[in-house]
Protein backbone atom coordinates (compact mmCIF):
# COMPACT_ATOMS: atom_id res chain seq x y z
CA MET A 1 -157.37 52.71 127.86
CA ILE A 2 -158.51 52.60 131.48
CA TRP A 3 -159.59 48.97 131.33
CA THR A 4 -158.01 47.50 128.19
CA PHE A 5 -154.34 47.21 127.29
CA PRO A 6 -153.80 48.82 123.85
CA LEU A 7 -152.87 46.30 121.15
CA ASP A 8 -153.76 48.14 117.93
CA PHE A 9 -151.29 49.53 115.39
CA THR A 10 -151.97 53.21 116.23
CA ASN A 11 -150.22 52.78 119.50
CA ASP A 12 -147.23 54.09 121.44
CA TRP A 13 -149.06 53.59 124.73
CA ALA A 14 -147.92 49.98 125.07
CA SER A 15 -144.28 50.96 124.65
CA TYR A 16 -144.32 53.63 127.36
CA MET A 17 -146.30 51.41 129.74
CA ALA A 18 -143.67 48.73 129.25
CA GLN A 19 -140.88 51.22 129.97
CA LEU A 20 -142.67 52.32 133.14
CA HIS A 21 -142.87 48.67 134.17
CA PHE A 22 -139.18 48.17 133.37
CA LEU A 23 -138.26 51.11 135.62
CA LYS A 24 -140.19 49.45 138.43
CA VAL A 25 -138.83 45.90 138.07
CA CYS A 26 -135.39 46.47 136.49
CA GLY A 27 -134.47 49.92 137.76
CA PHE A 28 -132.40 52.64 136.11
CA HIS A 29 -129.40 51.70 133.94
CA ASN A 30 -129.74 48.05 134.96
CA PHE A 31 -129.93 44.90 132.87
CA CYS A 32 -133.49 44.05 131.82
CA PRO A 33 -134.18 40.63 130.23
CA TYR A 34 -137.57 41.22 128.63
CA TRP A 35 -136.71 42.42 125.08
CA TYR A 36 -134.03 41.32 122.60
CA SER A 37 -132.64 38.76 125.04
CA GLY A 38 -131.76 41.61 127.41
CA PHE A 39 -130.76 45.29 127.37
CA ILE A 40 -129.67 48.10 129.70
CA THR A 41 -132.60 50.32 130.67
CA PHE A 42 -132.91 53.98 129.69
CA GLN A 43 -129.63 54.38 127.86
CA THR A 44 -131.47 55.79 124.84
CA ALA A 45 -134.99 56.38 126.20
CA ALA A 46 -136.37 59.54 127.81
CA LEU A 47 -136.74 59.22 131.56
CA GLY A 48 -138.87 62.11 132.84
CA TRP A 49 -142.42 60.77 132.50
CA LYS A 50 -141.43 57.37 133.90
CA PHE A 51 -140.16 59.01 137.11
CA PHE A 52 -143.34 61.10 137.22
CA ALA A 53 -145.64 58.08 136.82
CA LEU A 54 -143.66 55.57 138.90
CA PRO A 55 -145.19 56.59 142.29
CA LEU A 56 -148.65 56.20 140.74
CA TYR A 57 -147.71 52.74 139.49
CA LEU A 58 -146.37 51.74 142.90
CA ILE A 59 -149.56 52.96 144.59
CA THR A 60 -152.12 51.55 142.13
CA LYS A 61 -150.13 48.43 141.16
CA ASN A 62 -151.85 48.78 137.79
CA VAL A 63 -149.99 50.15 134.78
CA LEU A 64 -153.19 51.20 132.99
CA SER A 65 -154.50 53.14 135.99
CA ALA A 66 -151.13 54.76 136.64
CA THR A 67 -150.81 55.86 133.02
CA PHE A 68 -154.35 57.25 132.87
CA ILE A 69 -153.99 59.15 136.15
CA SER A 70 -150.69 60.61 134.97
CA LEU A 71 -152.41 61.77 131.78
CA ILE A 72 -155.08 63.63 133.77
CA LEU A 73 -152.48 65.14 136.09
CA LEU A 74 -150.42 66.36 133.13
CA TYR A 75 -153.42 68.13 131.61
CA ALA A 76 -154.17 69.73 134.98
CA LEU A 77 -150.55 70.80 135.32
CA GLY A 78 -150.62 72.13 131.76
CA PHE A 79 -153.63 74.29 132.60
CA LEU A 80 -151.92 75.55 135.77
CA PHE A 81 -148.82 76.61 133.84
CA LEU A 82 -150.96 78.28 131.17
CA TYR A 83 -152.90 80.05 133.91
CA ILE A 84 -149.62 81.41 135.33
CA LEU A 85 -148.48 82.41 131.84
CA GLY A 86 -151.85 84.04 131.21
CA LYS A 87 -151.58 86.14 134.35
CA VAL A 88 -148.06 87.19 133.37
CA GLN A 89 -149.36 88.17 129.93
CA LYS A 90 -152.48 89.82 131.43
CA LEU A 91 -154.93 87.50 129.71
CA SER A 92 -158.47 87.07 130.98
CA LEU A 93 -159.69 83.74 132.37
CA ILE A 94 -161.73 83.17 129.19
CA GLU A 95 -158.61 83.77 127.09
CA ILE A 96 -156.60 81.37 129.27
CA ILE A 97 -159.23 78.65 128.88
CA ALA A 98 -159.33 79.29 125.12
CA PHE A 99 -155.52 79.11 125.01
CA PHE A 100 -155.66 75.73 126.77
CA LEU A 101 -158.28 74.38 124.37
CA PHE A 102 -156.53 75.69 121.25
CA PHE A 103 -153.27 74.10 122.35
CA PHE A 104 -154.44 70.78 123.81
CA ALA A 105 -157.71 70.10 121.95
CA ASN A 106 -156.52 70.47 118.36
CA PRO A 107 -156.29 67.37 116.10
CA ILE A 108 -152.50 67.10 116.30
CA ALA A 109 -152.42 67.30 120.10
CA ILE A 110 -155.31 64.84 120.47
CA GLY A 111 -153.80 62.47 117.92
CA ASN A 112 -150.36 62.57 119.54
CA PHE A 113 -151.08 62.78 123.24
CA ILE A 114 -154.29 60.76 123.57
CA ARG A 115 -154.84 58.49 120.59
CA LEU A 116 -151.25 57.58 119.72
CA GLY A 117 -150.11 57.85 123.32
CA ARG A 118 -146.96 59.94 123.04
CA ILE A 119 -147.19 60.79 126.70
CA VAL A 120 -143.46 61.53 127.01
CA SER A 121 -143.96 64.31 124.47
CA LEU A 122 -146.94 65.59 126.46
CA PHE A 123 -144.76 65.58 129.58
CA GLY A 124 -142.13 67.61 127.69
CA PHE A 125 -144.65 70.15 126.44
CA VAL A 126 -146.26 70.59 129.86
CA LEU A 127 -142.83 71.41 131.27
CA PHE A 128 -142.26 73.72 128.31
CA LEU A 129 -145.40 75.66 129.28
CA GLY A 130 -144.03 76.13 132.80
CA PHE A 131 -140.68 77.12 131.32
CA ALA A 132 -142.40 79.62 129.00
CA ALA A 133 -144.28 81.14 131.95
CA LEU A 134 -140.94 81.65 133.71
CA ILE A 135 -139.23 83.14 130.64
CA PHE A 136 -142.07 85.57 129.93
CA LYS A 137 -142.25 86.60 133.59
CA TYR A 138 -138.61 87.71 133.47
CA LYS A 139 -138.70 88.97 129.90
CA ASN A 140 -139.34 92.52 131.07
CA CYS A 141 -138.06 92.15 134.63
CA PRO A 142 -134.53 91.88 136.04
CA LEU A 143 -133.40 88.39 136.98
CA ASP A 144 -133.39 87.56 140.68
CA LYS A 145 -132.83 84.57 142.95
CA LYS A 146 -136.30 83.21 142.23
CA PHE A 147 -135.43 82.94 138.55
CA PHE A 148 -132.41 80.82 139.43
CA LEU A 149 -134.39 78.66 141.89
CA TYR A 150 -137.15 77.93 139.35
CA MET A 151 -135.02 77.82 136.21
CA VAL A 152 -132.48 75.20 137.33
CA PRO A 153 -134.84 72.34 138.31
CA LEU A 154 -137.36 73.11 135.56
CA TYR A 155 -134.80 73.20 132.76
CA GLY A 156 -133.10 70.14 134.27
CA LEU A 157 -136.40 68.23 134.14
CA ILE A 158 -136.90 69.30 130.53
CA PHE A 159 -133.48 67.82 129.71
CA ILE A 160 -134.59 64.36 130.85
CA SER A 161 -138.21 64.66 129.69
CA HIS A 162 -137.89 64.24 125.91
CA GLN A 163 -135.05 65.39 123.71
CA GLN A 164 -137.27 67.00 121.05
CA GLU A 165 -139.06 69.34 123.45
CA MET A 166 -135.76 70.03 125.23
CA ILE A 167 -134.20 71.33 122.01
CA LEU A 168 -137.23 73.50 121.21
CA SER A 169 -137.36 74.91 124.76
CA SER A 170 -133.75 75.99 124.41
CA PHE A 171 -134.72 78.40 121.64
CA LEU A 172 -136.94 80.24 124.10
CA LEU A 173 -134.07 80.42 126.58
CA LEU A 174 -131.93 81.87 123.78
CA SER A 175 -134.62 84.53 123.29
CA LEU A 176 -134.26 85.63 126.90
CA PHE A 177 -130.47 85.56 126.63
CA LEU A 178 -130.49 87.92 123.63
CA ILE A 179 -132.41 90.72 125.35
CA LYS A 180 -130.58 90.66 128.69
CA LYS A 181 -127.45 92.57 129.65
CA ASN A 182 -124.09 90.87 130.13
CA LYS A 183 -124.38 90.31 133.90
CA GLU A 184 -127.80 88.68 133.52
CA ARG A 185 -126.53 86.64 130.58
CA ILE A 186 -123.91 85.15 132.87
CA TRP A 187 -126.69 84.12 135.28
CA ILE A 188 -128.61 82.51 132.41
CA ILE A 189 -125.53 80.58 131.26
CA LEU A 190 -124.75 79.52 134.83
CA SER A 191 -128.33 78.37 135.39
CA GLY A 192 -128.27 76.38 132.15
CA LEU A 193 -124.98 74.71 133.05
CA ILE A 194 -126.22 73.70 136.50
CA SER A 195 -129.41 72.32 134.91
CA LEU A 196 -127.23 70.37 132.51
CA LEU A 197 -125.18 69.07 135.41
CA LEU A 198 -128.30 67.92 137.27
CA ALA A 199 -129.47 66.04 134.17
CA SER A 200 -126.04 64.61 133.36
CA PHE A 201 -126.74 61.32 135.17
CA TRP A 202 -129.06 60.48 132.26
CA LEU A 203 -127.93 62.87 129.53
CA VAL A 204 -124.26 61.85 129.31
CA PRO A 205 -124.98 58.10 128.90
CA PHE A 206 -127.74 58.99 126.42
CA VAL A 207 -125.38 61.01 124.22
CA ILE A 208 -122.67 58.34 124.39
CA ASN A 209 -125.04 55.49 123.56
CA ALA A 210 -126.94 57.45 120.90
CA SER A 211 -123.69 57.83 118.99
CA LYS A 212 -123.04 54.08 119.23
CA THR A 213 -126.49 52.88 118.18
CA ASN A 214 -128.83 53.58 115.28
CA VAL A 215 -131.00 55.98 117.31
CA LEU A 216 -129.71 58.94 115.24
CA ASN A 217 -129.83 57.17 111.89
CA TYR A 218 -133.49 57.92 111.35
CA GLN A 219 -134.25 61.56 110.62
CA GLN A 220 -137.65 62.32 112.13
CA SER A 221 -138.06 65.43 109.99
CA ASN A 222 -138.09 63.33 106.81
CA TRP A 223 -141.85 63.21 107.28
CA LEU A 224 -141.81 66.92 106.49
CA ASN A 225 -142.02 67.69 102.76
CA TRP A 226 -144.15 69.49 100.19
CA SER A 227 -146.67 66.67 99.70
CA LEU A 228 -150.31 67.44 100.46
CA THR A 229 -150.65 65.36 103.60
CA PRO A 230 -152.59 66.63 106.65
CA THR A 231 -149.33 66.98 108.61
CA ASN A 232 -147.62 69.02 105.90
CA LEU A 233 -150.69 71.21 105.39
CA ALA A 234 -150.89 71.83 109.14
CA ALA A 235 -147.17 72.60 109.24
CA THR A 236 -147.51 75.17 106.45
CA LEU A 237 -150.60 76.83 107.93
CA VAL A 238 -149.18 77.06 111.45
CA SER A 239 -145.85 78.35 110.18
CA LEU A 240 -147.56 81.05 108.10
CA SER A 241 -149.77 81.99 111.04
CA VAL A 242 -146.68 82.65 113.17
CA PHE A 243 -145.42 85.23 110.66
CA PHE A 244 -148.88 86.69 110.04
CA LEU A 245 -149.88 87.05 113.70
CA PHE A 246 -146.45 88.21 114.84
CA TYR A 247 -146.57 91.03 112.31
CA PHE A 248 -149.85 92.33 113.71
CA TYR A 249 -148.62 91.85 117.28
CA TRP A 250 -145.37 93.68 116.50
CA LYS A 251 -147.19 96.43 114.63
CA GLY A 252 -149.52 96.90 117.59
CA ILE A 253 -146.54 97.64 119.86
CA ASP A 254 -145.06 100.14 117.39
CA LYS A 255 -142.55 97.65 115.97
CA ASN A 256 -140.51 97.49 119.15
CA LYS A 257 -136.95 96.37 118.30
CA ARG A 258 -136.47 94.61 121.63
CA GLU A 259 -139.54 92.46 120.94
CA LEU A 260 -138.22 91.61 117.50
CA LEU A 261 -134.88 90.61 119.02
CA PHE A 262 -136.59 88.47 121.65
CA PHE A 263 -138.65 86.54 119.12
CA SER A 264 -135.91 86.36 116.46
CA PRO A 265 -134.79 82.79 117.41
CA ILE A 266 -138.40 81.60 117.18
CA LEU A 267 -138.99 83.39 113.87
CA THR A 268 -135.71 82.09 112.42
CA LEU A 269 -136.53 78.52 113.40
CA ASN A 270 -140.02 78.98 111.98
CA LEU A 271 -138.56 80.18 108.67
CA LEU A 272 -136.31 77.11 108.45
CA PHE A 273 -139.30 74.93 109.25
CA PHE A 274 -141.49 76.64 106.65
CA LEU A 275 -138.83 76.26 103.93
CA LYS A 276 -138.46 72.55 104.81
CA VAL A 277 -134.68 72.89 105.16
CA ILE A 278 -134.85 71.67 108.76
CA SER A 279 -134.12 68.14 107.48
CA PHE A 280 -130.57 69.18 106.57
CA ILE A 281 -129.61 70.79 109.87
CA PRO A 282 -127.85 68.69 112.54
CA ILE A 283 -129.83 68.11 115.75
CA LEU A 284 -132.91 69.89 114.35
CA LYS A 285 -133.40 67.17 111.74
CA HIS A 286 -134.05 64.65 114.52
CA ILE A 287 -137.23 66.43 115.65
CA SER A 288 -140.42 65.10 114.07
CA PRO A 289 -142.95 67.52 112.51
CA ASP A 290 -145.63 67.37 115.21
CA PRO A 291 -143.51 68.85 118.04
CA TYR A 292 -142.51 71.66 115.69
CA ILE A 293 -146.15 72.30 114.82
CA LEU A 294 -147.23 72.39 118.48
CA PHE A 295 -144.27 74.59 119.40
CA PHE A 296 -145.15 77.16 116.74
CA LEU A 297 -148.86 76.82 117.50
CA PHE A 298 -148.08 77.97 121.05
CA PHE A 299 -146.63 81.23 119.72
CA SER A 300 -149.44 81.68 117.20
CA ILE A 301 -151.99 81.47 120.01
CA LEU A 302 -149.94 83.82 122.19
CA PHE A 303 -149.67 86.42 119.41
CA LEU A 304 -153.39 86.05 118.68
CA PHE A 305 -154.37 87.03 122.22
CA LYS A 306 -151.75 89.78 122.44
CA ILE A 307 -152.65 91.54 119.20
CA LYS A 308 -153.85 95.12 119.53
CA ILE A 309 -155.79 95.72 116.34
CA ARG A 310 -156.90 99.27 115.71
CA ASN A 311 -158.53 98.40 112.38
CA LEU A 312 -161.96 96.79 112.89
CA LYS A 313 -161.84 95.25 109.41
CA TRP A 314 -158.60 93.37 110.12
CA GLU A 315 -159.91 92.25 113.51
CA LYS A 316 -162.95 90.68 111.85
CA ILE A 317 -160.76 89.00 109.23
CA ILE A 318 -158.43 87.50 111.83
CA TRP A 319 -161.19 86.12 114.04
CA THR A 320 -163.07 84.80 111.00
CA ILE A 321 -159.93 82.89 110.02
CA VAL A 322 -159.61 81.59 113.59
CA PHE A 323 -163.23 80.40 113.54
CA LEU A 324 -162.74 78.63 110.19
CA VAL A 325 -159.54 76.97 111.42
CA VAL A 326 -161.33 75.69 114.53
CA ILE A 327 -164.16 74.23 112.43
CA LEU A 328 -161.67 72.69 109.99
CA SER A 329 -159.72 71.20 112.90
CA LEU A 330 -162.84 69.58 114.31
CA VAL A 331 -163.68 68.09 110.91
CA ILE A 332 -160.13 66.78 110.40
CA SER A 333 -160.03 65.37 113.93
CA THR A 334 -163.32 63.53 113.37
CA ILE A 335 -162.24 62.11 110.01
CA LYS A 336 -158.54 61.41 110.52
CA THR A 337 -158.16 60.50 114.20
CA PRO A 338 -158.98 56.79 114.60
CA TYR A 339 -161.06 55.72 117.57
CA PHE A 340 -159.73 53.32 120.17
CA THR A 341 -160.40 49.81 118.92
CA LYS A 342 -161.93 46.91 120.80
CA TYR A 343 -160.38 43.47 120.85
CA THR A 344 -161.45 41.15 118.06
CA GLU A 345 -161.53 37.38 118.47
CA LEU A 346 -157.88 37.28 117.36
CA GLU A 347 -156.69 39.62 120.14
CA ARG A 348 -158.68 37.68 122.73
CA GLU A 349 -157.07 34.44 121.57
CA VAL A 350 -153.53 35.87 121.64
CA VAL A 351 -154.03 37.28 125.14
CA SER A 352 -155.42 33.93 126.32
CA ILE A 353 -152.29 32.09 125.13
CA PHE A 354 -149.84 34.03 127.34
CA PRO A 355 -150.59 32.12 130.59
CA PHE A 356 -149.32 28.95 128.86
CA ILE A 357 -145.94 30.43 127.82
CA GLU A 358 -143.22 29.27 130.19
CA GLY A 359 -139.93 30.36 128.63
CA LYS A 360 -138.32 32.79 126.23
CA TYR A 361 -140.62 33.03 123.23
CA ALA A 362 -140.76 34.18 119.64
CA MET A 363 -143.80 35.33 117.66
CA ILE A 364 -144.60 34.73 114.01
CA TRP A 365 -147.59 36.54 112.56
CA SER A 366 -149.46 36.63 109.27
CA PRO A 367 -149.28 39.86 107.21
CA ASP A 368 -152.96 40.74 107.71
CA VAL A 369 -153.22 40.67 111.52
CA SER A 370 -155.40 43.31 113.20
CA SER A 371 -153.10 43.99 116.16
CA TYR A 372 -149.57 45.30 116.59
CA PRO A 373 -147.01 42.53 117.26
CA LYS A 374 -144.81 44.88 119.31
CA ALA A 375 -147.70 45.55 121.69
CA TYR A 376 -147.71 41.86 122.64
CA PHE A 377 -144.02 42.02 123.57
CA ALA A 378 -144.97 44.76 126.04
CA TYR A 379 -148.08 42.92 127.25
CA GLY A 380 -146.20 39.68 127.93
CA ALA A 381 -143.48 41.45 129.89
CA ILE A 382 -145.88 43.49 132.04
CA TYR A 383 -148.51 40.90 132.89
CA TYR A 384 -146.65 37.57 132.69
CA ASN A 385 -142.99 38.46 133.30
CA LEU A 386 -142.11 36.95 129.92
CA SER A 387 -138.95 37.56 127.92
CA SER A 388 -139.06 37.72 124.15
CA ILE A 389 -136.41 37.56 121.45
CA HIS A 390 -138.20 40.58 119.94
CA GLY A 391 -138.55 44.15 121.23
CA TRP A 392 -139.92 47.59 120.45
CA TYR A 393 -136.92 49.81 119.73
CA ASP A 394 -134.22 48.73 117.29
CA GLN A 395 -131.57 50.80 119.09
CA LEU A 396 -131.76 48.41 122.05
CA ALA A 397 -130.21 45.63 119.97
CA SER A 398 -127.05 45.33 117.89
CA SER A 399 -127.18 45.43 114.10
CA ASP A 400 -126.09 41.77 114.02
CA TYR A 401 -128.95 40.82 116.33
CA LEU A 402 -131.49 42.70 114.20
CA LYS A 403 -130.12 41.10 111.04
CA LYS A 404 -130.49 37.66 112.57
CA LEU A 405 -134.07 38.52 113.56
CA GLU A 406 -134.83 39.52 109.96
CA ASN A 407 -133.33 36.22 108.81
CA LEU A 408 -135.62 34.40 111.23
CA TYR A 409 -138.72 35.98 109.68
CA GLY A 410 -137.39 35.46 106.16
CA SER A 411 -136.55 31.80 106.69
CA TYR A 412 -140.05 31.08 108.00
CA TYR A 413 -141.93 32.95 105.30
CA GLU A 414 -139.72 31.32 102.64
CA LYS A 415 -140.32 27.88 104.25
CA GLU A 416 -136.64 27.34 105.06
CA CYS A 417 -137.43 25.29 108.16
CA GLY A 418 -133.85 24.21 108.82
CA ASP A 419 -132.63 27.81 109.01
CA PHE A 420 -135.72 28.79 110.99
CA ILE A 421 -135.06 26.20 113.72
CA ARG A 422 -131.33 26.94 113.77
CA ILE A 423 -131.89 30.68 114.33
CA LEU A 424 -134.47 29.98 117.04
CA LYS A 425 -131.88 27.87 118.84
CA ASP A 426 -129.25 30.62 118.39
CA PHE A 427 -131.63 32.96 120.21
CA LYS A 428 -132.13 30.28 122.91
CA THR A 429 -135.85 30.36 122.11
CA GLU A 430 -137.99 27.89 124.04
CA GLU A 431 -141.45 28.51 122.57
CA VAL A 432 -143.02 30.02 119.45
CA VAL A 433 -146.42 31.72 119.13
CA PHE A 434 -148.04 31.70 115.68
CA TYR A 435 -150.94 34.12 115.32
CA GLY A 436 -153.18 35.14 112.46
CA TYR A 437 -152.87 31.68 110.91
CA ASP A 438 -155.33 28.81 110.80
CA CYS A 439 -153.82 26.53 113.43
CA GLY A 440 -154.91 23.45 111.49
CA LYS A 441 -152.88 24.53 108.46
CA VAL A 442 -149.97 26.54 109.87
CA ASN A 443 -146.46 25.44 108.93
CA THR A 444 -144.90 24.50 112.27
CA CYS A 445 -141.54 23.36 110.89
CA GLY A 446 -141.68 20.26 113.08
CA LEU A 447 -142.14 22.08 116.39
CA LYS A 448 -144.09 20.33 119.14
CA GLU A 449 -147.66 21.55 119.70
CA LYS A 450 -148.44 22.84 123.17
CA VAL A 451 -151.71 24.85 122.94
CA SER A 452 -153.89 25.57 119.90
CA LYS A 453 -156.80 27.95 119.48
CA ASN A 454 -158.47 28.93 116.21
CA LYS A 455 -156.01 31.53 114.90
CA VAL A 456 -153.36 31.35 117.62
CA CYS A 457 -151.16 28.41 118.51
CA LEU A 458 -148.23 27.84 120.86
CA TYR A 459 -145.42 25.44 119.99
CA LYS A 460 -142.21 24.52 121.76
CA LEU A 461 -138.83 23.46 120.51
CA THR A 462 -138.17 19.78 120.95
């Protein structure tokens, strides 16, 4: 990732790098011409990480370097927040390091944050760790001015970081609210409202535009079901571990009612998650399984290190289970997490064609290509300032536009050349890249050849 732009299918990196570039060249809530013949930036996309990484991009002038440095900084910041949390919870340095490794070095975290490149989710979870440190610090202490000074900007940043982690973080704030007295509850509500106000410059347009587009049509939690997939097995195991470890933690503190009240929002959400009914609940159904799993994993690890076990037999059982889970996680990570892929001859040819593109372009690809078409739309925009009729996120385009795009693909694959050319002209397309086809045999529908390689060819409309 440091030297090579990601083009493979297991890839969100390219999308977020493109958005970082769009923030630099187009700005915030401005028209940006690069995808779908133009869109308004950040109306439906999380903003936090892009602001965080923008200074790095401006300094390095390299999107790969800026993204990689931001990744390292986020892990360092995550450790710092866990260190603060550990001191609040009176954990040893070894326990804090173990907490960090359990949370960030498990297969789901590695797959999401490093391999897939969901760095906006990582940004949200790092802020959540800082938020958790603050909540637990004041869990057994009266609120003061420092709480207000830390809470407002931190919660405000979480609002613009990533909506999934923002929703989950709010359950922890609810936990604090439940155990405080009325005067302190007013301070919590006031702090939350001010945080909301600070984030409103992005949040209000996001809510308005989310309701107008198809961003809410897809329920992320639909991935969660009773099938025996690695994600569903992990979800079940982590959810059960929350109940199991909380019981021993709660028993070790003589079943304190205040502790039960504090963790009741977390336990309730965990129960809904375990029963798979989360898919039917508004707002919660738009959170994908992995953030839920990592959220509950955080509490499982916390309970694990806070358990006071008086029975040596149960202590051995618990740590044996932990050891087996760690080994199983390493095996799953090795087997299931794909390695970063190197460019094949096809990717090298596609990349080499971009310097010859001079206008708005379209791409047509064969079904068996080894690289992700959407990644090229990001690559062309970042490195060659090229606009495409395609894009990454459907919510950036109207339903009519997307339908016309589908018709474009269909007309080509069904050899309806007249319709194909007509739709290209409707999009004001100037050039077409065909890739994954033998350039000597590809159906060009009468377009004029400009540059041809082996499996990649560039044509222009006459």
